[in-house]
Amino acid sequence: QVQLAESGGGSVHPGDSLRLTCTASGFPGGLTLNYYGAGWFRQVPGKEREGIACMSEGDDQPYYPASVKGRFTISRDSAKNTMYLQMNNLKPEDTAIYYCTVGNLYRHCEGDFRNWGKGTLVTVSS
């Protein structure tokens, strides 16, 4: 069973940067992270989970919604089965619980994602 674990969240000020890390394990058949679509989502209590950075197994142009485009970057190190979310110029509206996921990505951040981490909290405030 695929297991995902996020880390790197914390409390920061507006304009600061954070890098989130997601460590993956348990891929069937010896497969590695690069065989899967991967993504970062975030959720604010009372709101739906939002896809904010997603990439296909082919590492084609990642998708970012307008809310984070130009500030967030998704990447992965398949040798380490680890993916990252670099977040720059953080804003108070970025405050949320951030989750990583892997699965079949169809387009943008839409896909069949059945494997999720427990999340890491990011708080941006002055």
Foldseek 3Di string as FASTA:
>chain_A
DKAKAKDWADEEAAQAKTKMKIAIDDDPPPDWQLQWKKFKWWDDPPDDIGTAWIAGSVRDDIAGDPVQPPFWDKDDDRVRSMIMIIGGRDDQVVWTWMKMFIHHADDHRDDDTDYIYPTDTHGYHD
